[in-house]
C-alpha atoms as a PDB file:
ATOM      1  CA  MET A   1     -10.792  -4.732 -12.253  1.00  0.00           C
ATOM      2  CA  ASN A   2     -10.239  -1.449 -10.396  1.00  0.00           C
ATOM      3  CA  PHE A   3      -9.012   0.073  -7.250  1.00  0.00           C
ATOM      4  CA  THR A   4     -10.376   1.757  -4.603  1.00  0.00           C
ATOM      5  CA  ARG A   5      -8.513   5.035  -3.100  1.00  0.00           C
ATOM      6  CA  ILE A   6      -9.040   4.690   0.946  1.00  0.00           C
ATOM      7  CA  SER A   7      -8.325   6.861   3.517  1.00  0.00           C
ATOM      8  CA  VAL A   8      -5.306   6.553   6.561  1.00  0.00           C
ATOM      9  CA  ALA A   9      -8.472   5.769   9.082  1.00  0.00           C
ATOM     10  CA  GLU A  10     -10.471   3.067   6.480  1.00  0.00           C
ATOM     11  CA  ALA A  11      -6.194   1.522   5.744  1.00  0.00           C
ATOM     12  CA  GLN A  12      -6.533   1.251  10.025  1.00  0.00           C
ATOM     13  CA  GLU A  13      -9.139  -0.367   9.948  1.00  0.00           C
ATOM     14  CA  LEU A  14      -8.864  -3.274   7.554  1.00  0.00           C
ATOM     15  CA  LEU A  15      -5.858  -3.184   9.236  1.00  0.00           C
ATOM     16  CA  LYS A  16      -7.496  -4.281  11.965  1.00  0.00           C
ATOM     17  CA  THR A  17     -10.319  -6.246  10.765  1.00  0.00           C
ATOM     18  CA  GLN A  18      -8.795  -7.715   8.382  1.00  0.00           C
ATOM     19  CA  PRO A  19      -5.296  -8.647   9.751  1.00  0.00           C
ATOM     20  CA  ALA A  20      -3.602 -10.500   6.131  1.00  0.00           C
ATOM     21  CA  THR A  21      -4.327  -7.106   4.206  1.00  0.00           C
ATOM     22  CA  GLN A  22      -0.318  -6.253   2.356  1.00  0.00           C
ATOM     23  CA  VAL A  23       0.889  -2.661   2.528  1.00  0.00           C
ATOM     24  CA  ILE A  24       3.441  -2.621  -0.346  1.00  0.00           C
ATOM     25  CA  ASP A  25       5.332   1.166  -0.301  1.00  0.00           C
ATOM     26  CA  VAL A  26       6.377   1.999  -3.574  1.00  0.00           C
ATOM     27  CA  ARG A  27       8.418   5.544  -2.954  1.00  0.00           C
ATOM     28  CA  ASP A  28      12.077   5.226  -2.886  1.00  0.00           C
ATOM     29  CA  GLU A  29      14.566   3.009  -1.475  1.00  0.00           C
ATOM     30  CA  VAL A  30      15.691   6.172   1.208  1.00  0.00           C
ATOM     31  CA  ALA A  31      13.104   7.264   2.010  1.00  0.00           C
ATOM     32  CA  TYR A  32      11.047   4.375   2.861  1.00  0.00           C
ATOM     33  CA  GLY A  33      14.453   3.898   5.159  1.00  0.00           C
ATOM     34  CA  GLN A  34      13.440   6.969   7.084  1.00  0.00           C
ATOM     35  CA  GLY A  35      10.524   5.197   7.751  1.00  0.00           C
ATOM     36  CA  HIS A  36       7.186   3.429   6.864  1.00  0.00           C
ATOM     37  CA  ILE A  37       3.916   1.590   7.670  1.00  0.00           C
ATOM     38  CA  ASN A  38       4.855  -1.281   9.981  1.00  0.00           C
ATOM     39  CA  HIS A  39       4.990  -3.929   8.110  1.00  0.00           C
ATOM     40  CA  ALA A  40       4.962  -2.699   4.619  1.00  0.00           C
ATOM     41  CA  ARG A  41       7.240  -4.263   2.156  1.00  0.00           C
ATOM     42  CA  HIS A  42       9.243  -2.477  -0.320  1.00  0.00           C
ATOM     43  CA  VAL A  43       8.515  -3.242  -4.174  1.00  0.00           C
ATOM     44  CA  GLN A  44      10.053  -1.245  -6.705  1.00  0.00           C
ATOM     45  CA  ASN A  45      10.391  -1.848 -10.324  1.00  0.00           C
ATOM     46  CA  SER A  46      13.188  -4.189  -9.744  1.00  0.00           C
ATOM     47  CA  ASN A  47      11.517  -6.350  -7.220  1.00  0.00           C
ATOM     48  CA  VAL A  48       7.238  -6.431  -8.693  1.00  0.00           C
ATOM     49  CA  GLU A  49       8.165 -10.079 -10.431  1.00  0.00           C
ATOM     50  CA  GLU A  50       9.135 -11.522  -6.848  1.00  0.00           C
ATOM     51  CA  PHE A  51       6.504  -9.665  -4.961  1.00  0.00           C
ATOM     52  CA  LEU A  52       3.699 -10.748  -7.684  1.00  0.00           C
ATOM     53  CA  ALA A  53       5.289 -14.204  -7.245  1.00  0.00           C
ATOM     54  CA  GLU A  54       5.083 -14.484  -3.566  1.00  0.00           C
ATOM     55  CA  ALA A  55       1.931 -12.471  -2.856  1.00  0.00           C
ATOM     56  CA  ASP A  56      -1.238 -13.896  -1.878  1.00  0.00           C
ATOM     57  CA  MET A  57      -3.943 -11.871  -4.432  1.00  0.00           C
ATOM     58  CA  GLY A  58      -6.717 -13.683  -2.139  1.00  0.00           C
ATOM     59  CA  GLN A  59      -5.951 -11.049   0.524  1.00  0.00           C
ATOM     60  CA  PRO A  60      -6.073  -7.490   0.169  1.00  0.00           C
ATOM     61  CA  LEU A  61      -3.244  -4.653  -1.335  1.00  0.00           C
ATOM     62  CA  ILE A  62      -2.835  -1.330  -0.134  1.00  0.00           C
ATOM     63  CA  VAL A  63      -0.385   0.446  -1.570  1.00  0.00           C
ATOM     64  CA  CYS A  64       1.411   3.493   0.203  1.00  0.00           C
ATOM     65  CA  CYS A  65       3.499   6.122  -1.745  1.00  0.00           C
ATOM     66  CA  TYR A  66       4.680   9.872  -0.622  1.00  0.00           C
ATOM     67  CA  HIS A  67       1.315  11.559  -0.655  1.00  0.00           C
ATOM     68  CA  GLY A  68      -1.275   9.152  -2.550  1.00  0.00           C
ATOM     69  CA  ASN A  69      -0.278  10.450  -6.177  1.00  0.00           C
ATOM     70  CA  MET A  70       1.802   7.493  -7.371  1.00  0.00           C
ATOM     71  CA  SER A  71      -0.120   5.056  -5.887  1.00  0.00           C
ATOM     72  CA  GLN A  72      -3.135   5.122  -7.716  1.00  0.00           C
ATOM     73  CA  GLY A  73      -1.490   3.923 -10.685  1.00  0.00           C
ATOM     74  CA  ALA A  74       0.802   1.021  -9.161  1.00  0.00           C
ATOM     75  CA  ALA A  75      -3.255   0.300  -6.916  1.00  0.00           C
ATOM     76  CA  ALA A  76      -4.112   0.087 -10.541  1.00  0.00           C
ATOM     77  CA  TYR A  77      -1.327  -2.215 -12.180  1.00  0.00           C
ATOM     78  CA  PHE A  78      -1.619  -4.775  -9.277  1.00  0.00           C
ATOM     79  CA  ALA A  79      -5.859  -4.786  -9.501  1.00  0.00           C
ATOM     80  CA  GLU A  80      -5.144  -5.704 -13.244  1.00  0.00           C
ATOM     81  CA  GLN A  81      -2.725  -8.422 -11.964  1.00  0.00           C
ATOM     82  CA  GLY A  82      -5.483 -10.115 -10.402  1.00  0.00           C
ATOM     83  CA  PHE A  83      -5.322  -9.097  -6.755  1.00  0.00           C
ATOM     84  CA  ALA A  84      -9.340  -9.047  -5.425  1.00  0.00           C
ATOM     85  CA  SER A  85      -8.865  -5.718  -3.226  1.00  0.00           C
ATOM     86  CA  SER A  86      -6.370  -2.863  -4.371  1.00  0.00           C
ATOM     87  CA  TYR A  87      -6.370   0.119  -2.156  1.00  0.00           C
ATOM     88  CA  SER A  88      -4.578   3.352  -2.822  1.00  0.00           C
ATOM     89  CA  LEU A  89      -3.746   5.184   0.626  1.00  0.00           C
ATOM     90  CA  ASP A  90      -5.160   8.415  -0.126  1.00  0.00           C
ATOM     91  CA  GLY A  91      -2.180  10.956   1.431  1.00  0.00           C
ATOM     92  CA  GLY A  92       0.038   8.238   1.300  1.00  0.00           C
ATOM     93  CA  PHE A  93       2.778   7.643   4.042  1.00  0.00           C
ATOM     94  CA  GLU A  94       2.549  11.470   4.850  1.00  0.00           C
ATOM     95  CA  ALA A  95      -1.353  11.421   5.826  1.00  0.00           C
ATOM     96  CA  TRP A  96      -0.214   7.526   7.793  1.00  0.00           C
ATOM     97  CA  GLN A  97       2.507   9.509   9.732  1.00  0.00           C
ATOM     98  CA  GLU A  98       0.099  12.715  10.443  1.00  0.00           C
ATOM     99  CA  ALA A  99      -2.375  10.434  11.439  1.00  0.00           C
ATOM    100  CA  GLN A 100      -0.243   8.847  13.946  1.00  0.00           C
ATOM    101  CA  THR A 101       1.181  11.864  15.489  1.00  0.00           C
ATOM    102  CA  GLU A 102      -2.338  12.954  16.221  1.00  0.00           C
ATOM    103  CA  THR A 103      -3.172   9.713  18.192  1.00  0.00           C
END
């Protein structure tokens, strides 16, 4: 299984049409604390097993990082763990935040 790169607009549409879509943020704790996508769960090495035990593998998963680079590896990992759909957010939280200020 593999992951798909997704734009901010595509992610917003997915969240609108499939409200059970899960969003995780793999940035460091300080960056996550300063702002994150609404309802995004902070997932790092220390809590990844807990997340996997609780996650609904049948629902889409969007992985967010700073700029969309680190999330690609994480999205591939989660796809390998069995998520039906795993997405890496292109541009990361920076692009998400920029899109929010444009609307």
